[in-house]
């Protein structure tokens, strides 16, 4: 969770040198190469069956493609601490779409948590007498990432349990890279020679690739097998807190009391929405897929 918390800050640092599409493409390229090498060396690389390819294609469209576009471009307009709060609402809003698409039950606690968190979001995007108000376009882009994350979670259920989690991540990253390359060529390729690379931006790029896109996901998957999906997802709610602390330390981001109140309300709403789930043993067993993703 700490790696994912710092990933918002690494992105902020990296985009000072790399245009968003270039950053995403390079990040995926490094992560995909690392995942392939690990799976190849361990002999655990699996091939996608023809009948499953359509689900991997849809999976990669939602995440990393749509998710990274919303998150990375959103971070060019919004503070990293606020971005982490918005993105962390994925487990909160996922049951709504699951109810609409899959007709899954949505609990009263989840509805209450949503309402509480929406109040917190209001505090985050609106502050009286604040000249530097939160950029609404940035917030909208981040909610595109939230939508993509939710659709990813639902699509993931269509992926057979035959595939290991790390293989799923490899193929969604590889297919996502195929999506991003044309976008990179159209938007950023002509200006690549103008990129001013710094030591800090290179470190941030490599850190995003290794720690956020590879190691953090592997650790998260290990936690899921030991304590279950719902209990592990509860710790996702702490990401905004860590991001706010690291943003203050590393980026010197200063948040007003009004926005701290908003962060606190959103995080409280997230815990309320999952409170009932935390009381029960994980019903999915040890081989369940991850139902929400922080990339």
Protein backbone atom coordinates (compact mmCIF):
# COMPACT_ATOMS: atom_id res chain seq x y z
CA UNK A 1 0.00 0.00 0.00
CA UNK A 2 2.92 2.32 0.70
CA UNK A 3 4.26 1.77 -2.83
CA UNK A 4 0.87 2.63 -4.32
CA UNK A 5 0.63 5.66 -2.04
CA UNK A 6 3.98 6.98 -3.26
CA UNK A 7 3.10 6.18 -6.89
CA UNK A 8 1.00 9.36 -7.09
CA UNK A 9 4.06 11.36 -6.03
CA UNK A 10 6.38 9.52 -8.43
CA UNK A 11 3.93 10.33 -11.23
CA UNK A 12 3.94 14.00 -10.25
CA UNK A 13 7.75 14.04 -10.38
CA UNK A 14 7.99 12.04 -13.62
CA UNK A 15 5.57 14.27 -15.57
CA UNK A 16 7.86 17.24 -14.99
CA UNK A 17 10.07 15.62 -17.66
CA UNK A 18 7.93 13.13 -19.55
CA UNK A 19 4.63 13.97 -21.31
CA UNK A 20 1.81 11.79 -19.88
CA UNK A 21 1.55 9.41 -22.86
CA UNK A 22 5.33 8.94 -22.98
CA UNK A 23 5.44 8.25 -19.25
CA UNK A 24 2.68 5.66 -19.40
CA UNK A 25 4.21 3.89 -22.40
CA UNK A 26 7.67 3.69 -20.82
CA UNK A 27 6.22 2.57 -17.49
CA UNK A 28 4.30 -0.26 -19.14
CA UNK A 29 7.26 -1.24 -21.30
CA UNK A 30 9.52 -1.67 -18.27
CA UNK A 31 6.87 -3.44 -16.17
CA UNK A 32 5.93 -5.83 -18.99
CA UNK A 33 9.57 -6.73 -19.62
CA UNK A 34 10.16 -7.42 -15.92
CA UNK A 35 7.03 -9.56 -15.56
CA UNK A 36 7.89 -11.57 -18.68
CA UNK A 37 11.45 -12.21 -17.49
CA UNK A 38 10.26 -13.36 -14.05
CA UNK A 39 7.62 -15.70 -15.48
CA UNK A 40 9.97 -17.07 -18.14
CA UNK A 41 12.77 -17.76 -15.65
CA UNK A 42 10.40 -19.45 -13.19
CA UNK A 43 8.72 -21.50 -15.91
CA UNK A 44 5.26 -20.17 -14.96
CA UNK A 45 4.43 -18.32 -18.16
CA UNK A 46 0.96 -19.26 -19.44
CA UNK A 47 -0.50 -18.80 -22.92
CA UNK A 48 -3.86 -17.13 -23.45
CA UNK A 49 -6.49 -19.50 -24.81
CA UNK A 50 -8.22 -18.24 -27.95
CA UNK A 51 -11.66 -18.17 -26.30
CA UNK A 52 -10.34 -15.98 -23.46
CA UNK A 53 -8.56 -13.39 -25.59
CA UNK A 54 -11.61 -11.10 -25.88
CA UNK A 55 -11.76 -10.78 -22.09
CA UNK A 56 -8.07 -9.92 -21.84
CA UNK A 57 -8.56 -7.34 -24.60
CA UNK A 58 -11.43 -5.70 -22.70
CA UNK A 59 -9.51 -5.98 -19.43
CA UNK A 60 -6.51 -4.14 -20.88
CA UNK A 61 -8.73 -1.45 -22.39
CA UNK A 62 -10.11 -0.56 -18.97
CA UNK A 63 -6.81 -1.03 -17.18
CA UNK A 64 -4.12 -0.02 -17.90
CA UNK A 65 -5.34 2.01 -20.93
CA UNK A 66 -8.36 4.03 -19.76
CA UNK A 67 -7.30 3.97 -16.10
CA UNK A 68 -3.80 5.30 -16.74
CA UNK A 69 -5.08 7.99 -19.12
CA UNK A 70 -7.50 9.27 -16.48
CA UNK A 71 -5.06 9.02 -13.58
CA UNK A 72 -1.94 10.41 -15.27
CA UNK A 73 -3.63 13.31 -17.05
CA UNK A 74 -5.66 14.00 -13.91
CA UNK A 75 -2.45 14.28 -11.90
CA UNK A 76 -1.26 17.06 -14.22
CA UNK A 77 -4.16 19.17 -12.89
CA UNK A 78 -4.76 17.97 -9.32
CA UNK A 79 -2.57 17.52 -6.24
CA UNK A 80 -1.36 13.97 -5.68
CA UNK A 81 -2.95 13.74 -2.23
CA UNK A 82 -6.39 14.65 -3.59
CA UNK A 83 -5.95 12.32 -6.57
CA UNK A 84 -5.26 9.38 -4.27
CA UNK A 85 -8.49 10.04 -2.36
CA UNK A 86 -10.59 10.02 -5.52
CA UNK A 87 -8.94 6.90 -6.97
CA UNK A 88 -9.27 5.06 -3.64
CA UNK A 89 -13.07 5.19 -4.00
CA UNK A 90 -12.95 2.36 -6.57
CA UNK A 91 -13.86 -0.33 -3.97
CA UNK A 92 -16.63 1.99 -2.76
CA UNK A 93 -18.42 2.53 -6.09
CA UNK A 94 -17.70 -0.90 -7.60
CA UNK A 95 -20.79 -2.53 -5.99
CA UNK A 96 -23.05 0.01 -7.75
CA UNK A 97 -21.97 -1.07 -11.24
CA UNK A 98 -21.88 -4.70 -10.09
CA UNK A 99 -25.51 -4.30 -9.00
CA UNK A 100 -26.49 -2.79 -12.37
CA UNK A 101 -24.52 -5.19 -14.58
CA UNK A 102 -24.36 -8.39 -12.51
CA UNK A 103 -27.42 -7.82 -10.28
CA UNK A 104 -25.28 -8.33 -7.20
CA UNK A 105 -26.62 -7.34 -3.80
CA UNK A 106 -25.61 -3.92 -2.47
CA UNK A 107 -25.73 -3.48 1.31
CA UNK A 108 -27.12 -0.58 3.33
CA UNK A 109 -23.67 0.00 4.79
CA UNK A 110 -22.29 0.38 1.29
CA UNK A 111 -24.96 2.94 0.41
CA UNK A 112 -24.25 4.81 3.66
CA UNK A 113 -20.51 4.74 2.94
CA UNK A 114 -21.11 6.15 -0.55
CA UNK A 115 -23.19 9.02 0.80
CA UNK A 116 -20.60 9.84 3.47
CA UNK A 117 -17.75 9.76 0.95
CA UNK A 118 -19.63 11.98 -1.50
CA UNK A 119 -19.83 14.61 1.23
CA UNK A 120 -16.07 14.30 1.63
CA UNK A 121 -15.55 14.68 -2.14
CA UNK A 122 -17.58 17.90 -2.01
CA UNK A 123 -15.20 19.28 0.61
CA UNK A 124 -12.25 18.29 -1.59
CA UNK A 125 -13.40 20.00 -4.78
CA UNK A 126 -15.00 23.09 -3.27
CA UNK A 127 -13.51 25.43 -0.71
CA UNK A 128 -14.96 28.84 0.21
CA UNK A 129 -12.74 31.83 -0.63
CA UNK A 130 -10.13 29.55 -2.20
CA UNK A 131 -8.57 31.33 -5.18
CA UNK A 132 -6.74 28.17 -6.25
CA UNK A 133 -9.81 25.94 -6.37
CA UNK A 134 -9.43 22.30 -7.28
CA UNK A 135 -9.41 21.87 -11.06
CA UNK A 136 -12.72 20.23 -11.97
CA UNK A 137 -11.32 18.83 -15.23
CA UNK A 138 -8.65 17.08 -13.19
CA UNK A 139 -11.29 15.66 -10.86
CA UNK A 140 -13.35 14.50 -13.87
CA UNK A 141 -10.33 12.73 -15.37
CA UNK A 142 -9.65 10.99 -12.08
CA UNK A 143 -13.25 9.79 -11.96
CA UNK A 144 -12.67 8.37 -15.46
CA UNK A 145 -9.91 6.33 -13.78
CA UNK A 146 -12.37 5.30 -11.06
CA UNK A 147 -14.90 4.19 -13.70
CA UNK A 148 -12.18 2.27 -15.54
CA UNK A 149 -11.07 0.57 -12.31
CA UNK A 150 -14.63 -0.53 -11.57
CA UNK A 151 -15.15 -1.90 -15.11
CA UNK A 152 -11.79 -3.65 -14.77
CA UNK A 153 -12.97 -5.35 -11.58
CA UNK A 154 -16.14 -6.61 -13.25
CA UNK A 155 -14.33 -7.76 -16.41
CA UNK A 156 -11.75 -9.56 -14.27
CA UNK A 157 -14.47 -11.93 -13.10
CA UNK A 158 -14.73 -13.19 -16.67
CA UNK A 159 -11.09 -14.30 -16.63
CA UNK A 160 -10.91 -18.04 -15.77
CA UNK A 161 -9.12 -19.00 -12.55
CA UNK A 162 -6.82 -21.10 -14.72
CA UNK A 163 -4.59 -18.03 -15.14
CA UNK A 164 -2.40 -16.96 -12.24
CA UNK A 165 -2.67 -13.36 -11.07
CA UNK A 166 0.81 -12.44 -12.27
CA UNK A 167 0.04 -13.83 -15.75
CA UNK A 168 -3.14 -11.76 -15.87
CA UNK A 169 -1.11 -8.65 -15.00
CA UNK A 170 1.50 -9.50 -17.64
CA UNK A 171 -1.02 -9.87 -20.46
CA UNK A 172 -3.11 -6.85 -19.51
CA UNK A 173 0.11 -4.81 -19.42
CA UNK A 174 1.28 -6.20 -22.76
CA UNK A 175 -2.05 -5.59 -24.51
CA UNK A 176 -2.29 -2.20 -22.81
CA UNK A 177 1.12 -1.35 -24.24
CA UNK A 178 -0.20 -2.16 -27.72
CA UNK A 179 -3.06 0.29 -27.07
CA UNK A 180 -0.71 3.02 -25.89
CA UNK A 181 1.94 2.86 -28.63
CA UNK A 182 -0.31 4.38 -31.37
CA UNK A 183 -1.44 7.09 -28.92
CA UNK A 184 2.19 7.82 -28.06
CA UNK A 185 3.14 8.04 -31.74
CA UNK A 186 0.27 10.45 -32.44
CA UNK A 187 0.69 12.73 -29.42
CA UNK A 188 4.24 12.66 -28.06
CA UNK A 189 6.61 11.08 -30.58
CA UNK A 190 7.33 14.30 -32.49
CA UNK A 191 8.41 16.07 -29.31
CA UNK A 192 10.51 13.27 -27.77
CA UNK A 193 13.75 15.05 -28.66
CA UNK A 194 12.62 18.04 -26.58
CA UNK A 195 12.23 16.04 -23.38
CA UNK A 196 14.56 17.26 -20.65
CA UNK A 197 15.34 14.21 -18.56
CA UNK A 198 16.47 14.64 -14.97
CA UNK A 199 17.83 12.18 -12.46
CA UNK A 200 14.69 12.63 -10.35
CA UNK A 201 12.33 11.88 -13.25
CA UNK A 202 14.27 8.74 -14.24
CA UNK A 203 14.19 7.47 -10.65
CA UNK A 204 10.45 8.21 -10.51
CA UNK A 205 9.81 6.34 -13.79
CA UNK A 206 11.79 3.27 -12.75
CA UNK A 207 10.16 3.32 -9.30
CA UNK A 208 6.69 3.45 -10.86
CA UNK A 209 7.52 0.49 -13.09
CA UNK A 210 9.21 -1.73 -10.50
CA UNK A 211 7.52 -0.88 -7.22
CA UNK A 212 4.02 0.26 -8.23
CA UNK A 213 3.36 -1.90 -11.30
CA UNK A 214 5.20 -5.09 -10.32
CA UNK A 215 6.24 -5.53 -6.67
CA UNK A 216 3.22 -3.85 -5.06
CA UNK A 217 0.82 -6.01 -7.05
CA UNK A 218 2.69 -9.22 -6.18
CA UNK A 219 2.69 -8.30 -2.47
CA UNK A 220 -1.01 -7.45 -2.68
CA UNK A 221 -1.76 -10.81 -4.29
CA UNK A 222 0.16 -12.57 -1.50
CA UNK A 223 -1.87 -10.72 1.12
CA UNK A 224 -5.10 -11.72 -0.61
CA UNK A 225 -4.15 -15.40 -0.36
CA UNK A 226 -3.43 -15.09 3.36
CA UNK A 227 -6.14 -12.78 4.71
CA UNK A 228 -8.70 -12.64 1.91
CA UNK A 229 -9.88 -10.10 -0.66
CA UNK A 230 -12.17 -8.01 1.54
CA UNK A 231 -9.74 -7.67 4.44
CA UNK A 232 -6.89 -6.76 2.09
CA UNK A 233 -9.01 -4.17 0.28
CA UNK A 234 -9.68 -2.45 3.60
CA UNK A 235 -6.03 -1.39 3.69
CA UNK A 236 -6.51 0.35 0.32
CA UNK A 237 -8.46 2.94 2.29
CA UNK A 238 -5.21 4.01 3.96
CA UNK A 239 -3.56 4.98 0.65
CA UNK A 240 -4.85 8.61 0.73
CA UNK A 241 -3.47 9.06 4.24
CA UNK A 242 0.01 7.86 3.27
CA UNK A 243 -0.08 9.86 0.02
CA UNK A 244 -0.99 13.05 1.88
CA UNK A 245 1.89 12.51 4.32
CA UNK A 246 4.44 11.73 1.58
CA UNK A 247 3.19 14.64 -0.55
CA UNK A 248 3.77 16.98 2.36
CA UNK A 249 7.27 15.56 2.98
CA UNK A 250 8.47 15.15 -0.63
CA UNK A 251 6.49 17.68 -2.69
CA UNK A 252 5.81 20.28 0.01
CA UNK A 253 2.10 20.08 -0.80
CA UNK A 254 0.10 22.04 1.74
CA UNK A 255 -3.54 21.09 2.28
CA UNK A 256 -6.01 23.34 4.05
CA UNK A 257 -8.01 22.19 7.06
CA UNK A 258 -11.04 22.12 4.75
CA UNK A 259 -9.41 19.57 2.44
CA UNK A 260 -8.04 17.52 5.37
CA UNK A 261 -11.63 17.33 6.57
CA UNK A 262 -12.67 16.10 3.13
CA UNK A 263 -9.96 13.42 3.10
CA UNK A 264 -11.01 12.24 6.57
CA UNK A 265 -14.69 12.04 5.57
CA UNK A 266 -13.93 10.08 2.38
CA UNK A 267 -11.70 7.58 4.21
CA UNK A 268 -14.33 7.18 6.95
CA UNK A 269 -16.96 6.52 4.30
CA UNK A 270 -14.73 3.89 2.70
CA UNK A 271 -14.35 2.04 6.00
CA UNK A 272 -18.10 2.26 6.69
CA UNK A 273 -18.87 0.73 3.29
CA UNK A 274 -16.62 -2.27 4.01
CA UNK A 275 -17.32 -2.69 7.71
CA UNK A 276 -19.80 -5.53 7.25
CA UNK A 277 -17.44 -7.38 4.91
CA UNK A 278 -14.59 -7.31 7.41
CA UNK A 279 -16.59 -9.30 9.95
CA UNK A 280 -16.79 -12.40 7.80
CA UNK A 281 -14.33 -14.94 6.53
CA UNK A 282 -13.40 -14.48 2.88
CA UNK A 283 -16.05 -16.42 0.92
CA UNK A 284 -13.97 -16.58 -2.26
CA UNK A 285 -11.26 -18.88 -0.94
CA UNK A 286 -7.53 -18.68 -1.56
CA UNK A 287 -7.69 -18.85 -5.35
CA UNK A 288 -9.92 -15.82 -5.92
CA UNK A 289 -8.94 -13.11 -8.34
CA UNK A 290 -8.39 -9.58 -7.13
CA UNK A 291 -11.62 -7.64 -7.55
CA UNK A 292 -10.18 -4.14 -7.54
CA UNK A 293 -6.92 -2.96 -8.91
CA UNK A 294 -4.40 -0.12 -7.92
CA UNK A 295 -1.85 -0.04 -10.60
